[in-house]
Protein backbone atom coordinates (compact mmCIF):
# COMPACT_ATOMS: atom_id res chain seq x y z
CA UNK A 1 0.00 0.00 0.00
CA UNK A 2 1.28 3.47 -0.89
CA UNK A 3 0.16 6.11 1.58
CA UNK A 4 -0.54 9.79 0.96
CA UNK A 5 -1.00 12.06 3.93
CA UNK A 6 -2.71 15.43 4.07
CA UNK A 7 -3.02 17.27 0.78
CA UNK A 8 -1.23 20.53 -0.02
CA UNK A 9 -3.35 23.51 -1.07
CA UNK A 10 -3.45 27.29 -0.64
CA UNK A 11 -5.43 28.91 2.15
CA UNK A 12 -9.06 28.96 0.98
CA UNK A 13 -8.18 26.91 -2.11
CA UNK A 14 -9.39 23.53 -3.32
CA UNK A 15 -10.14 21.28 -0.38
CA UNK A 16 -9.77 24.01 2.24
CA UNK A 17 -12.34 23.99 5.02
CA UNK A 18 -14.23 27.26 4.45
CA UNK A 19 -17.67 28.66 5.14
CA UNK A 20 -17.68 28.27 8.91
CA UNK A 21 -18.73 31.04 11.32
CA UNK A 22 -15.79 33.18 12.51
CA UNK A 23 -16.12 31.89 16.08
CA UNK A 24 -15.66 28.25 14.99
CA UNK A 25 -12.09 27.06 15.49
CA UNK A 26 -11.20 24.07 13.34
CA UNK A 27 -8.65 21.54 14.61
CA UNK A 28 -5.05 22.23 13.53
CA UNK A 29 -4.93 19.14 11.34
CA UNK A 30 -7.65 20.58 9.09
CA UNK A 31 -5.11 23.25 8.10
CA UNK A 32 -2.10 20.93 8.08
CA UNK A 33 -1.54 21.07 4.32
CA UNK A 34 -2.20 24.76 3.67
CA UNK A 35 0.75 26.60 2.14
CA UNK A 36 0.85 29.99 0.43
CA UNK A 37 4.38 30.27 -0.96
CA UNK A 38 7.19 27.97 -2.10
CA UNK A 39 8.84 27.95 1.34
CA UNK A 40 5.63 26.89 3.08
CA UNK A 41 5.08 24.16 0.46
CA UNK A 42 8.56 22.79 1.19
CA UNK A 43 7.85 22.90 4.92
CA UNK A 44 4.56 20.99 4.54
CA UNK A 45 6.13 18.42 2.21
CA UNK A 46 8.97 17.88 4.68
CA UNK A 47 6.47 17.39 7.54
CA UNK A 48 4.55 14.86 5.45
CA UNK A 49 7.75 13.04 4.47
CA UNK A 50 8.78 12.94 8.13
CA UNK A 51 5.39 11.37 8.92
CA UNK A 52 6.16 8.61 6.41
CA UNK A 53 3.98 9.34 3.38
CA UNK A 54 4.80 7.77 0.03
CA UNK A 55 3.00 10.33 -2.15
CA UNK A 56 2.24 14.04 -1.92
CA UNK A 57 -1.27 15.13 -2.95
CA UNK A 58 -1.47 18.66 -4.36
CA UNK A 59 -4.90 20.21 -4.86
CA UNK A 60 -4.92 23.01 -7.41
CA UNK A 61 -7.46 25.78 -7.53
CA UNK A 62 -9.04 26.31 -10.94
CA UNK A 63 -9.80 29.97 -10.41
CA UNK A 64 -7.43 31.08 -13.18
CA UNK A 65 -9.92 29.51 -15.57
CA UNK A 66 -13.04 31.07 -14.08
CA UNK A 67 -14.53 33.91 -16.09
CA UNK A 68 -14.94 36.33 -13.21
CA UNK A 69 -11.72 35.57 -11.34
CA UNK A 70 -8.37 37.25 -11.83
CA UNK A 71 -5.93 35.25 -13.90
CA UNK A 72 -3.19 36.53 -11.60
CA UNK A 73 -4.48 34.90 -8.41
CA UNK A 74 -2.10 32.74 -6.42
CA UNK A 75 -1.85 29.11 -7.39
CA UNK A 76 0.81 26.45 -7.21
PDB file of N, CA and C in Angstrom:
ATOM      1  N   UNK A   1       0.845  -1.155   0.000  1.00  0.00           N
ATOM      2  CA  UNK A   1       0.000   0.000   0.000  1.00  0.00           C
ATOM      3  C   UNK A   1       0.903   1.233   0.000  1.00  0.00           C
ATOM      4  N   UNK A   2       0.596   2.192  -0.875  1.00  0.00           N
ATOM      5  CA  UNK A   2       1.284   3.475  -0.887  1.00  0.00           C
ATOM      6  C   UNK A   2       0.384   4.489  -0.197  1.00  0.00           C
ATOM      7  N   UNK A   3       0.949   5.226   0.726  1.00  0.00           N
ATOM      8  CA  UNK A   3       0.159   6.112   1.576  1.00  0.00           C
ATOM      9  C   UNK A   3       0.428   7.569   1.230  1.00  0.00           C
ATOM     10  N   UNK A   4      -0.639   8.343   1.111  1.00  0.00           N
ATOM     11  CA  UNK A   4      -0.541   9.794   0.964  1.00  0.00           C
ATOM     12  C   UNK A   4      -1.154  10.414   2.212  1.00  0.00           C
ATOM     13  N   UNK A   5      -0.505  11.407   2.722  1.00  0.00           N
ATOM     14  CA  UNK A   5      -1.002  12.064   3.925  1.00  0.00           C
ATOM     15  C   UNK A   5      -1.951  13.186   3.571  1.00  0.00           C
ATOM     16  N   UNK A   6      -1.877  14.250   4.328  1.00  0.00           N
ATOM     17  CA  UNK A   6      -2.707  15.426   4.073  1.00  0.00           C
ATOM     18  C   UNK A   6      -2.350  15.999   2.698  1.00  0.00           C
ATOM     19  N   UNK A   7      -3.301  16.625   2.066  1.00  0.00           N
ATOM     20  CA  UNK A   7      -3.024  17.266   0.780  1.00  0.00           C
ATOM     21  C   UNK A   7      -2.414  18.638   0.998  1.00  0.00           C
ATOM     22  N   UNK A   8      -1.806  19.189  -0.044  1.00  0.00           N
ATOM     23  CA  UNK A   8      -1.231  20.526  -0.017  1.00  0.00           C
ATOM     24  C   UNK A   8      -2.102  21.412  -0.884  1.00  0.00           C
ATOM     25  N   UNK A   9      -2.511  22.552  -0.348  1.00  0.00           N
ATOM     26  CA  UNK A   9      -3.346  23.514  -1.071  1.00  0.00           C
ATOM     27  C   UNK A   9      -3.071  24.908  -0.520  1.00  0.00           C
ATOM     28  N   UNK A  10      -3.573  25.932  -1.177  1.00  0.00           N
ATOM     29  CA  UNK A  10      -3.446  27.289  -0.643  1.00  0.00           C
ATOM     30  C   UNK A  10      -4.576  27.540   0.349  1.00  0.00           C
ATOM     31  N   UNK A  11      -4.398  28.538   1.194  1.00  0.00           N
ATOM     32  CA  UNK A  11      -5.434  28.905   2.145  1.00  0.00           C
ATOM     33  C   UNK A  11      -6.690  29.323   1.375  1.00  0.00           C
ATOM     34  N   UNK A  12      -7.806  28.670   1.667  1.00  0.00           N
ATOM     35  CA  UNK A  12      -9.056  28.960   0.981  1.00  0.00           C
ATOM     36  C   UNK A  12      -9.160  28.333  -0.395  1.00  0.00           C
ATOM     37  N   UNK A  13      -8.186  27.532  -0.796  1.00  0.00           N
ATOM     38  CA  UNK A  13      -8.183  26.912  -2.115  1.00  0.00           C
ATOM     39  C   UNK A  13      -8.967  25.608  -2.140  1.00  0.00           C
ATOM     40  N   UNK A  14      -8.703  24.813  -3.160  1.00  0.00           N
ATOM     41  CA  UNK A  14      -9.387  23.531  -3.318  1.00  0.00           C
ATOM     42  C   UNK A  14      -9.162  22.678  -2.082  1.00  0.00           C
ATOM     43  N   UNK A  15     -10.230  22.155  -1.538  1.00  0.00           N
ATOM     44  CA  UNK A  15     -10.140  21.284  -0.380  1.00  0.00           C
ATOM     45  C   UNK A  15     -10.045  21.974   0.959  1.00  0.00           C
ATOM     46  N   UNK A  16      -9.884  23.295   0.972  1.00  0.00           N
ATOM     47  CA  UNK A  16      -9.773  24.014   2.244  1.00  0.00           C
ATOM     48  C   UNK A  16     -11.137  24.033   2.937  1.00  0.00           C
ATOM     49  N   UNK A  17     -11.107  23.956   4.236  1.00  0.00           N
ATOM     50  CA  UNK A  17     -12.343  23.994   5.023  1.00  0.00           C
ATOM     51  C   UNK A  17     -12.767  25.457   5.167  1.00  0.00           C
ATOM     52  N   UNK A  18     -13.770  25.870   4.422  1.00  0.00           N
ATOM     53  CA  UNK A  18     -14.233  27.259   4.448  1.00  0.00           C
ATOM     54  C   UNK A  18     -15.733  27.304   4.712  1.00  0.00           C
ATOM     55  N   UNK A  19     -16.240  28.492   4.984  1.00  0.00           N
ATOM     56  CA  UNK A  19     -17.671  28.663   5.140  1.00  0.00           C
ATOM     57  C   UNK A  19     -18.166  28.548   6.566  1.00  0.00           C
ATOM     58  N   UNK A  20     -17.265  28.373   7.517  1.00  0.00           N
ATOM     59  CA  UNK A  20     -17.676  28.274   8.911  1.00  0.00           C
ATOM     60  C   UNK A  20     -17.787  29.654   9.541  1.00  0.00           C
ATOM     61  N   UNK A  21     -18.598  29.778  10.590  1.00  0.00           N
ATOM     62  CA  UNK A  21     -18.730  31.036  11.319  1.00  0.00           C
ATOM     63  C   UNK A  21     -17.370  31.423  11.899  1.00  0.00           C
ATOM     64  N   UNK A  22     -17.102  32.729  12.025  1.00  0.00           N
ATOM     65  CA  UNK A  22     -15.791  33.179  12.506  1.00  0.00           C
ATOM     66  C   UNK A  22     -15.430  32.664  13.905  1.00  0.00           C
ATOM     67  N   UNK A  23     -16.420  32.353  14.719  1.00  0.00           N
ATOM     68  CA  UNK A  23     -16.123  31.887  16.075  1.00  0.00           C
ATOM     69  C   UNK A  23     -15.840  30.386  16.152  1.00  0.00           C
ATOM     70  N   UNK A  24     -15.941  29.684  15.035  1.00  0.00           N
ATOM     71  CA  UNK A  24     -15.663  28.249  14.993  1.00  0.00           C
ATOM     72  C   UNK A  24     -14.164  28.055  14.755  1.00  0.00           C
ATOM     73  N   UNK A  25     -13.503  27.366  15.652  1.00  0.00           N
ATOM     74  CA  UNK A  25     -12.086  27.061  15.491  1.00  0.00           C
ATOM     75  C   UNK A  25     -11.939  25.604  15.044  1.00  0.00           C
ATOM     76  N   UNK A  26     -11.415  25.421  13.849  1.00  0.00           N
ATOM     77  CA  UNK A  26     -11.201  24.071  13.338  1.00  0.00           C
ATOM     78  C   UNK A  26      -9.923  23.488  13.942  1.00  0.00           C
ATOM     79  N   UNK A  27      -9.869  22.176  14.095  1.00  0.00           N
ATOM     80  CA  UNK A  27      -8.649  21.545  14.608  1.00  0.00           C
ATOM     81  C   UNK A  27      -7.446  21.856  13.700  1.00  0.00           C
ATOM     82  N   UNK A  28      -6.259  21.870  14.282  1.00  0.00           N
ATOM     83  CA  UNK A  28      -5.049  22.230  13.532  1.00  0.00           C
ATOM     84  C   UNK A  28      -4.825  21.318  12.332  1.00  0.00           C
ATOM     85  N   UNK A  29      -5.208  20.050  12.443  1.00  0.00           N
ATOM     86  CA  UNK A  29      -4.928  19.140  11.341  1.00  0.00           C
ATOM     87  C   UNK A  29      -5.811  19.385  10.120  1.00  0.00           C
ATOM     88  N   UNK A  30      -6.855  20.199  10.257  1.00  0.00           N
ATOM     89  CA  UNK A  30      -7.649  20.579   9.088  1.00  0.00           C
ATOM     90  C   UNK A  30      -6.900  21.600   8.227  1.00  0.00           C
ATOM     91  N   UNK A  31      -5.912  22.257   8.818  1.00  0.00           N
ATOM     92  CA  UNK A  31      -5.111  23.253   8.098  1.00  0.00           C
ATOM     93  C   UNK A  31      -3.690  22.752   7.852  1.00  0.00           C
ATOM     94  N   UNK A  32      -3.449  21.494   8.117  1.00  0.00           N
ATOM     95  CA  UNK A  32      -2.102  20.925   8.081  1.00  0.00           C
ATOM     96  C   UNK A  32      -1.426  21.133   6.739  1.00  0.00           C
ATOM     97  N   UNK A  33      -2.150  20.999   5.645  1.00  0.00           N
ATOM     98  CA  UNK A  33      -1.542  21.065   4.319  1.00  0.00           C
ATOM     99  C   UNK A  33      -1.685  22.397   3.616  1.00  0.00           C
ATOM    100  N   UNK A  34      -2.062  23.457   4.324  1.00  0.00           N
ATOM    101  CA  UNK A  34      -2.198  24.763   3.675  1.00  0.00           C
ATOM    102  C   UNK A  34      -0.837  25.438   3.580  1.00  0.00           C
ATOM    103  N   UNK A  35      -0.515  25.922   2.386  1.00  0.00           N
ATOM    104  CA  UNK A  35       0.753  26.602   2.137  1.00  0.00           C
ATOM    105  C   UNK A  35       0.510  27.688   1.105  1.00  0.00           C
ATOM    106  N   UNK A  36       1.131  28.839   1.294  1.00  0.00           N
ATOM    107  CA  UNK A  36       0.855  29.988   0.430  1.00  0.00           C
ATOM    108  C   UNK A  36       2.067  30.513  -0.329  1.00  0.00           C
ATOM    109  N   UNK A  37       3.203  29.868  -0.192  1.00  0.00           N
ATOM    110  CA  UNK A  37       4.376  30.269  -0.956  1.00  0.00           C
ATOM    111  C   UNK A  37       5.300  29.057  -1.061  1.00  0.00           C
ATOM    112  N   UNK A  38       6.325  29.133  -1.902  1.00  0.00           N
ATOM    113  CA  UNK A  38       7.189  27.966  -2.101  1.00  0.00           C
ATOM    114  C   UNK A  38       7.842  27.458  -0.811  1.00  0.00           C
ATOM    115  N   UNK A  39       8.188  28.352   0.103  1.00  0.00           N
ATOM    116  CA  UNK A  39       8.842  27.953   1.344  1.00  0.00           C
ATOM    117  C   UNK A  39       7.885  27.186   2.246  1.00  0.00           C
ATOM    118  N   UNK A  40       6.628  27.616   2.290  1.00  0.00           N
ATOM    119  CA  UNK A  40       5.634  26.893   3.076  1.00  0.00           C
ATOM    120  C   UNK A  40       5.322  25.528   2.461  1.00  0.00           C
ATOM    121  N   UNK A  41       5.311  25.448   1.123  1.00  0.00           N
ATOM    122  CA  UNK A  41       5.077  24.161   0.456  1.00  0.00           C
ATOM    123  C   UNK A  41       6.189  23.190   0.842  1.00  0.00           C
ATOM    124  N   UNK A  42       7.438  23.657   0.789  1.00  0.00           N
ATOM    125  CA  UNK A  42       8.555  22.794   1.186  1.00  0.00           C
ATOM    126  C   UNK A  42       8.414  22.337   2.628  1.00  0.00           C
ATOM    127  N   UNK A  43       8.012  23.236   3.504  1.00  0.00           N
ATOM    128  CA  UNK A  43       7.851  22.900   4.915  1.00  0.00           C
ATOM    129  C   UNK A  43       6.781  21.821   5.107  1.00  0.00           C
ATOM    130  N   UNK A  44       5.643  21.984   4.428  1.00  0.00           N
ATOM    131  CA  UNK A  44       4.561  20.993   4.540  1.00  0.00           C
ATOM    132  C   UNK A  44       5.006  19.650   3.972  1.00  0.00           C
ATOM    133  N   UNK A  45       5.671  19.666   2.822  1.00  0.00           N
ATOM    134  CA  UNK A  45       6.131  18.421   2.209  1.00  0.00           C
ATOM    135  C   UNK A  45       7.131  17.721   3.127  1.00  0.00           C
ATOM    136  N   UNK A  46       8.006  18.483   3.755  1.00  0.00           N
ATOM    137  CA  UNK A  46       8.970  17.881   4.685  1.00  0.00           C
ATOM    138  C   UNK A  46       8.273  17.275   5.902  1.00  0.00           C
ATOM    139  N   UNK A  47       7.245  17.944   6.418  1.00  0.00           N
ATOM    140  CA  UNK A  47       6.469  17.386   7.539  1.00  0.00           C
ATOM    141  C   UNK A  47       5.808  16.075   7.126  1.00  0.00           C
ATOM    142  N   UNK A  48       5.208  16.073   5.939  1.00  0.00           N
ATOM    143  CA  UNK A  48       4.546  14.863   5.448  1.00  0.00           C
ATOM    144  C   UNK A  48       5.551  13.734   5.251  1.00  0.00           C
ATOM    145  N   UNK A  49       6.721  14.054   4.674  1.00  0.00           N
ATOM    146  CA  UNK A  49       7.754  13.038   4.473  1.00  0.00           C
ATOM    147  C   UNK A  49       8.238  12.499   5.816  1.00  0.00           C
ATOM    148  N   UNK A  50       8.375  13.374   6.790  1.00  0.00           N
ATOM    149  CA  UNK A  50       8.782  12.939   8.132  1.00  0.00           C
ATOM    150  C   UNK A  50       7.745  11.999   8.741  1.00  0.00           C
ATOM    151  N   UNK A  51       6.474  12.227   8.410  1.00  0.00           N
ATOM    152  CA  UNK A  51       5.394  11.372   8.924  1.00  0.00           C
ATOM    153  C   UNK A  51       5.278  10.053   8.158  1.00  0.00           C
ATOM    154  N   UNK A  52       6.094   9.886   7.094  1.00  0.00           N
ATOM    155  CA  UNK A  52       6.162   8.606   6.410  1.00  0.00           C
ATOM    156  C   UNK A  52       5.278   8.424   5.194  1.00  0.00           C
ATOM    157  N   UNK A  53       4.830   9.501   4.568  1.00  0.00           N
ATOM    158  CA  UNK A  53       3.980   9.338   3.385  1.00  0.00           C
ATOM    159  C   UNK A  53       4.813   8.876   2.188  1.00  0.00           C
ATOM    160  N   UNK A  54       4.147   8.226   1.255  1.00  0.00           N
ATOM    161  CA  UNK A  54       4.797   7.771   0.028  1.00  0.00           C
ATOM    162  C   UNK A  54       4.524   8.709  -1.147  1.00  0.00           C
ATOM    163  N   UNK A  55       3.417   9.424  -1.078  1.00  0.00           N
ATOM    164  CA  UNK A  55       3.000  10.332  -2.148  1.00  0.00           C
ATOM    165  C   UNK A  55       2.568  11.659  -1.543  1.00  0.00           C
ATOM    166  N   UNK A  56       2.707  12.719  -2.326  1.00  0.00           N
ATOM    167  CA  UNK A  56       2.237  14.043  -1.921  1.00  0.00           C
ATOM    168  C   UNK A  56       1.060  14.404  -2.820  1.00  0.00           C
ATOM    169  N   UNK A  57      -0.087  14.694  -2.203  1.00  0.00           N
ATOM    170  CA  UNK A  57      -1.271  15.126  -2.955  1.00  0.00           C
ATOM    171  C   UNK A  57      -1.265  16.646  -3.011  1.00  0.00           C
ATOM    172  N   UNK A  58      -1.394  17.214  -4.190  1.00  0.00           N
ATOM    173  CA  UNK A  58      -1.468  18.664  -4.357  1.00  0.00           C
ATOM    174  C   UNK A  58      -2.807  18.981  -5.005  1.00  0.00           C
ATOM    175  N   UNK A  59      -3.609  19.791  -4.321  1.00  0.00           N
ATOM    176  CA  UNK A  59      -4.899  20.210  -4.864  1.00  0.00           C
ATOM    177  C   UNK A  59      -4.739  21.604  -5.454  1.00  0.00           C
ATOM    178  N   UNK A  60      -5.056  21.730  -6.717  1.00  0.00           N
ATOM    179  CA  UNK A  60      -4.918  23.007  -7.408  1.00  0.00           C
ATOM    180  C   UNK A  60      -6.264  23.697  -7.508  1.00  0.00           C
ATOM    181  N   UNK A  61      -6.252  24.987  -7.340  1.00  0.00           N
ATOM    182  CA  UNK A  61      -7.460  25.778  -7.530  1.00  0.00           C
ATOM    183  C   UNK A  61      -7.606  26.079  -9.018  1.00  0.00           C
ATOM    184  N   UNK A  62      -8.813  26.069  -9.508  1.00  0.00           N
ATOM    185  CA  UNK A  62      -9.045  26.311 -10.935  1.00  0.00           C
ATOM    186  C   UNK A  62      -9.517  27.732 -11.192  1.00  0.00           C
ATOM    187  N   UNK A  63      -9.249  28.629 -10.260  1.00  0.00           N
ATOM    188  CA  UNK A  63      -9.799  29.974 -10.412  1.00  0.00           C
ATOM    189  C   UNK A  63      -9.184  30.752 -11.563  1.00  0.00           C
ATOM    190  N   UNK A  64      -8.008  30.376 -12.035  1.00  0.00           N
ATOM    191  CA  UNK A  64      -7.430  31.082 -13.177  1.00  0.00           C
ATOM    192  C   UNK A  64      -8.272  30.857 -14.429  1.00  0.00           C
ATOM    193  N   UNK A  65      -9.098  29.824 -14.409  1.00  0.00           N
ATOM    194  CA  UNK A  65      -9.919  29.513 -15.572  1.00  0.00           C
ATOM    195  C   UNK A  65     -11.355  30.034 -15.432  1.00  0.00           C
ATOM    196  N   UNK A  66     -11.691  30.549 -14.268  1.00  0.00           N
ATOM    197  CA  UNK A  66     -13.044  31.069 -14.076  1.00  0.00           C
ATOM    198  C   UNK A  66     -13.174  32.417 -14.772  1.00  0.00           C
ATOM    199  N   UNK A  67     -14.326  32.666 -15.332  1.00  0.00           N
ATOM    200  CA  UNK A  67     -14.531  33.905 -16.093  1.00  0.00           C
ATOM    201  C   UNK A  67     -14.404  35.170 -15.248  1.00  0.00           C
ATOM    202  N   UNK A  68     -14.900  35.128 -14.022  1.00  0.00           N
ATOM    203  CA  UNK A  68     -14.937  36.335 -13.210  1.00  0.00           C
ATOM    204  C   UNK A  68     -13.752  36.475 -12.273  1.00  0.00           C
ATOM    205  N   UNK A  69     -12.866  35.519 -12.240  1.00  0.00           N
ATOM    206  CA  UNK A  69     -11.720  35.565 -11.337  1.00  0.00           C
ATOM    207  C   UNK A  69     -10.509  36.135 -12.062  1.00  0.00           C
ATOM    208  N   UNK A  70      -9.616  36.723 -11.279  1.00  0.00           N
ATOM    209  CA  UNK A  70      -8.374  37.253 -11.834  1.00  0.00           C
ATOM    210  C   UNK A  70      -7.487  36.107 -12.301  1.00  0.00           C
ATOM    211  N   UNK A  71      -6.852  36.271 -13.421  1.00  0.00           N
ATOM    212  CA  UNK A  71      -5.931  35.251 -13.904  1.00  0.00           C
ATOM    213  C   UNK A  71      -4.583  35.348 -13.187  1.00  0.00           C
ATOM    214  N   UNK A  72      -4.452  36.343 -12.304  1.00  0.00           N
ATOM    215  CA  UNK A  72      -3.191  36.528 -11.604  1.00  0.00           C
ATOM    216  C   UNK A  72      -3.284  36.119 -10.141  1.00  0.00           C
ATOM    217  N   UNK A  73      -4.341  35.378  -9.777  1.00  0.00           N
ATOM    218  CA  UNK A  73      -4.484  34.897  -8.407  1.00  0.00           C
ATOM    219  C   UNK A  73      -3.429  33.844  -8.101  1.00  0.00           C
ATOM    220  N   UNK A  74      -3.142  33.674  -6.831  1.00  0.00           N
ATOM    221  CA  UNK A  74      -2.102  32.744  -6.421  1.00  0.00           C
ATOM    222  C   UNK A  74      -2.533  31.304  -6.616  1.00  0.00           C
ATOM    223  N   UNK A  75      -1.660  30.540  -7.230  1.00  0.00           N
ATOM    224  CA  UNK A  75      -1.852  29.111  -7.391  1.00  0.00           C
ATOM    225  C   UNK A  75      -0.492  28.466  -7.330  1.00  0.00           C
ATOM    226  N   UNK A  76      -0.462  27.157  -7.202  1.00  0.00           N
ATOM    227  CA  UNK A  76       0.811  26.448  -7.209  1.00  0.00           C
ATOM    228  C   UNK A  76       1.277  26.290  -8.629  1.00  0.00           C
TER     229      UNK A  76
END
